[in-house]
Amino acid sequence: MTNIAFVDTETTHLDSALGDAWEVAVILREFDDNEPTDTEYVWQIRPNLATADREALEIGRYLERFAVPPHAEAAFTGYEDGPIVPMTRFQAVSAILSVLSGAVMVGSNPGFDDRFLRKLLGPGAAQWHYRPLDIATLAAGFQYGQASVPHATGAVLQRDDLPGMPLSSRGLSRRMGVEPPGADGHQALVDARWARDVYDAVTGTRAPARDGAA
């Protein structure tokens, strides 16, 4: 089966032409005899702050959370209560490329992450599947499907209860029984876990988790 990569980035700007990704989280779901296992990875990369947007930095709590040592270009920060592993930018980019290679990217507005990752990794470097999956679109389709076959679930959704445009990822998440991130949101790993949980709520999947390696 094709690997699935639940992805989130924290960035210095909403526009990839002006900003950079400074934190990248990937939960890579791999399959062995159709049995899934999730591995968590988090990297931070020292960004160019010359064109950074102050609000974007505040949302991601950049000043509070940026953990790359002063002498380093990047770091693996994915160990829970573990060491921060300094890396060169090239090492971090190579690791991200390796983890994402061939995977289908899943996230909340993954097109945003796709743009920043392509900028970070360089022209022509993207090796993930060309069709990312947005959890809001996935959850909305699931709920419209439920409404069309009430006999299958015992639930009847009224027209006014169905998702409207523009889609709200947080509202759709709650409809799926997954509480979206609160005060701990806008951390790349927290938001990647949220995307994973919504996907699993729709698909009825669950996988054991493990920490990745730098």
Protein backbone atom coordinates (compact mmCIF):
# COMPACT_ATOMS: atom_id res chain seq x y z
CA MET A 1 0.00 0.00 0.00
CA THR A 2 1.04 3.59 -0.58
CA ASN A 3 2.49 5.39 2.41
CA ILE A 4 0.48 8.24 3.91
CA ALA A 5 2.19 11.37 5.26
CA PHE A 6 0.20 13.50 7.69
CA VAL A 7 1.94 16.84 7.33
CA ASP A 8 1.96 20.30 8.86
CA THR A 9 4.31 23.27 8.60
CA GLU A 10 4.77 26.42 10.62
CA THR A 11 5.89 29.36 8.53
CA THR A 12 7.13 32.93 8.74
CA HIS A 13 4.45 34.25 6.38
CA LEU A 14 1.17 33.14 4.79
CA ASP A 15 2.65 33.75 1.33
CA SER A 16 5.31 31.26 0.27
CA ALA A 17 6.81 33.89 -2.04
CA LEU A 18 7.68 35.96 1.04
CA GLY A 19 8.08 33.47 3.88
CA ASP A 20 9.74 30.19 4.77
CA ALA A 21 8.78 27.02 6.60
CA TRP A 22 10.64 26.92 9.91
CA GLU A 23 9.00 23.81 11.39
CA VAL A 24 7.98 20.66 9.53
CA ALA A 25 6.18 17.69 11.07
CA VAL A 26 5.43 14.43 9.30
CA ILE A 27 3.62 11.41 10.67
CA LEU A 28 4.53 8.71 8.18
CA ARG A 29 2.07 5.83 7.99
CA GLU A 30 3.70 2.73 6.51
CA PHE A 31 2.09 -0.64 5.90
CA ASP A 32 3.45 -4.12 6.52
CA ASP A 33 1.03 -6.79 5.29
CA ASN A 34 -1.66 -4.07 5.35
CA GLU A 35 -0.91 -3.36 9.03
CA PRO A 36 -0.23 0.36 9.55
CA THR A 37 2.45 1.88 11.76
CA ASP A 38 2.87 5.62 12.34
CA THR A 39 6.30 7.22 12.83
CA GLU A 40 6.56 10.84 13.95
CA TYR A 41 9.21 13.27 12.68
CA VAL A 42 9.74 16.96 13.45
CA TRP A 43 12.41 19.27 12.08
CA GLN A 44 13.08 22.96 12.60
CA ILE A 45 15.04 24.95 10.02
CA ARG A 46 16.54 28.38 10.61
CA PRO A 47 14.51 30.75 8.39
CA ASN A 48 15.25 34.05 6.73
CA LEU A 49 13.35 36.54 8.88
CA ALA A 50 13.92 39.55 6.60
CA THR A 51 10.41 39.30 5.12
CA ALA A 52 8.74 37.51 8.03
CA ASP A 53 5.25 38.54 9.09
CA ARG A 54 5.04 39.33 12.80
CA GLU A 55 1.56 37.86 13.15
CA ALA A 56 2.63 34.60 11.51
CA LEU A 57 5.55 34.33 13.94
CA GLU A 58 3.25 35.01 16.89
CA ILE A 59 0.70 32.41 15.76
CA GLY A 60 3.37 29.71 15.60
CA ARG A 61 5.06 31.06 18.78
CA TYR A 62 8.35 31.20 16.92
CA LEU A 63 10.26 33.16 19.58
CA GLU A 64 9.04 30.79 22.29
CA ARG A 65 9.51 27.50 20.46
CA PHE A 66 12.39 27.85 17.99
CA ALA A 67 14.92 25.36 19.33
CA VAL A 68 17.71 25.20 16.73
CA PRO A 69 21.03 25.79 18.54
CA PRO A 70 22.75 29.09 17.65
CA HIS A 71 25.57 27.37 15.74
CA ALA A 72 23.25 25.13 13.68
CA GLU A 73 21.19 25.61 10.52
CA ALA A 74 18.51 23.10 11.51
CA ALA A 75 17.64 20.44 14.07
CA PHE A 76 15.59 17.30 14.56
CA THR A 77 13.21 18.12 17.40
CA GLY A 78 10.92 15.10 17.25
CA TYR A 79 12.04 13.23 20.35
CA GLU A 80 9.47 13.55 23.14
CA ASP A 81 11.41 14.90 26.14
CA GLY A 82 14.55 13.88 24.30
CA PRO A 83 17.57 15.57 22.78
CA ILE A 84 17.54 18.21 20.10
CA VAL A 85 19.80 16.96 17.31
CA PRO A 86 21.60 19.74 15.37
CA MET A 87 21.73 19.28 11.61
CA THR A 88 22.82 21.15 8.54
CA ARG A 89 20.09 22.50 6.29
CA PHE A 90 21.12 19.93 3.68
CA GLN A 91 20.72 17.09 6.19
CA ALA A 92 17.26 18.28 7.22
CA VAL A 93 16.11 18.71 3.63
CA SER A 94 17.46 15.27 2.71
CA ALA A 95 15.65 13.69 5.66
CA ILE A 96 12.34 15.37 4.79
CA LEU A 97 12.68 14.28 1.16
CA SER A 98 13.33 10.70 2.22
CA VAL A 99 10.33 10.53 4.55
CA LEU A 100 7.90 12.09 2.05
CA SER A 101 9.09 10.18 -1.01
CA GLY A 102 6.18 8.44 -2.73
CA ALA A 103 3.68 9.24 0.02
CA VAL A 104 0.21 10.77 -0.25
CA MET A 105 0.20 13.99 1.75
CA VAL A 106 -2.75 14.53 4.12
CA GLY A 107 -3.34 17.69 6.13
CA SER A 108 -5.52 20.64 6.93
CA ASN A 109 -5.17 22.76 3.78
CA PRO A 110 -2.22 20.68 2.55
CA GLY A 111 -1.81 22.88 -0.51
CA PHE A 112 -0.37 25.50 1.86
CA ASP A 113 2.17 23.02 3.22
CA ASP A 114 2.94 21.76 -0.29
CA ARG A 115 3.92 25.26 -1.46
CA PHE A 116 6.24 25.91 1.47
CA LEU A 117 7.79 22.45 1.29
CA ARG A 118 8.53 22.86 -2.41
CA LYS A 119 10.27 26.15 -1.65
CA LEU A 120 12.24 24.61 1.22
CA LEU A 121 13.31 21.49 -0.67
CA GLY A 122 14.14 23.19 -3.94
CA PRO A 123 12.91 23.07 -7.57
CA GLY A 124 12.03 19.61 -8.80
CA ALA A 125 12.68 17.97 -5.43
CA ALA A 126 9.09 17.10 -4.52
CA GLN A 127 8.64 13.34 -4.73
CA TRP A 128 5.32 12.93 -2.95
CA HIS A 129 2.05 12.14 -4.74
CA TYR A 130 0.74 15.05 -6.79
CA ARG A 131 -2.77 14.91 -5.27
CA PRO A 132 -2.73 15.85 -1.56
CA LEU A 133 -5.79 15.16 0.58
CA ASP A 134 -7.48 17.87 2.65
CA ILE A 135 -9.16 16.60 5.83
CA ALA A 136 -11.94 19.19 5.48
CA THR A 137 -12.84 17.92 2.01
CA LEU A 138 -12.61 14.33 3.22
CA ALA A 139 -14.86 14.94 6.24
CA ALA A 140 -17.39 16.95 4.22
CA GLY A 141 -17.67 14.19 1.63
CA PHE A 142 -18.15 11.62 4.36
CA GLN A 143 -20.94 13.64 5.95
CA TYR A 144 -22.73 14.23 2.65
CA GLY A 145 -22.44 10.51 2.00
CA GLN A 146 -23.98 9.73 5.38
CA ALA A 147 -26.88 12.04 4.63
CA SER A 148 -27.57 10.28 1.34
CA VAL A 149 -27.79 6.81 2.93
CA PRO A 150 -29.41 7.27 6.36
CA HIS A 151 -30.34 3.60 6.50
CA ALA A 152 -26.64 2.72 6.68
CA THR A 153 -25.93 4.71 9.84
CA GLY A 154 -29.29 5.22 11.49
CA ALA A 155 -28.63 8.96 11.35
CA VAL A 156 -30.50 11.50 9.30
CA LEU A 157 -28.79 14.82 8.61
CA GLN A 158 -31.06 17.67 7.66
CA ARG A 159 -30.05 19.92 4.78
CA ASP A 160 -29.30 22.76 7.22
CA ASP A 161 -26.95 20.45 9.12
CA LEU A 162 -24.76 19.68 6.13
CA PRO A 163 -21.41 21.44 5.65
CA GLY A 164 -21.59 24.70 3.73
CA MET A 165 -19.05 26.79 1.88
CA PRO A 166 -16.45 27.78 2.80
CA LEU A 167 -15.65 24.56 4.61
CA SER A 168 -14.55 24.85 8.23
CA SER A 169 -11.92 22.26 9.12
CA ARG A 170 -12.53 22.79 12.83
CA GLY A 171 -16.29 22.48 12.53
CA LEU A 172 -16.03 19.41 10.32
CA SER A 173 -13.54 17.89 12.74
CA ARG A 174 -15.99 18.25 15.60
CA ARG A 175 -18.73 16.66 13.48
CA MET A 176 -16.41 13.66 13.15
CA GLY A 177 -15.96 13.51 16.91
CA VAL A 178 -12.42 14.89 16.87
CA GLU A 179 -11.79 17.98 18.96
CA PRO A 180 -9.42 20.29 17.05
CA PRO A 181 -6.28 21.65 18.74
CA GLY A 182 -6.79 24.35 21.34
CA ALA A 183 -4.08 26.41 22.98
CA ASP A 184 -1.45 23.90 21.86
CA GLY A 185 -2.37 24.32 18.20
CA HIS A 186 -0.09 25.82 15.57
CA GLN A 187 2.66 23.42 16.56
CA ALA A 188 3.47 21.35 13.52
CA LEU A 189 3.28 17.96 15.25
CA VAL A 190 0.07 18.81 17.11
CA ASP A 191 -1.62 19.83 13.87
CA ALA A 192 -0.27 16.79 11.99
CA ARG A 193 -1.73 14.57 14.71
CA TRP A 194 -5.05 16.36 14.31
CA ALA A 195 -5.05 15.69 10.56
CA ARG A 196 -4.26 12.03 11.29
CA ASP A 197 -7.09 11.76 13.82
CA VAL A 198 -9.69 13.24 11.45
CA TYR A 199 -8.52 10.92 8.66
CA ASP A 200 -8.78 7.95 11.01
CA ALA A 201 -12.26 9.00 12.17
CA VAL A 202 -13.45 9.02 8.56
CA THR A 203 -11.70 5.83 7.48
CA GLY A 204 -11.98 3.85 10.70
CA THR A 205 -8.22 3.35 10.85
CA ARG A 206 -5.85 3.41 13.81
CA ALA A 207 -2.13 2.70 13.89
CA PRO A 208 0.44 2.29 16.68
CA ALA A 209 2.86 5.22 16.91
CA ARG A 210 6.60 5.45 17.36
CA ASP A 211 9.21 8.22 17.40
CA GLY A 212 11.25 8.76 14.28
CA ALA A 213 15.01 9.13 14.17
CA ALA A 214 17.03 12.15 13.16
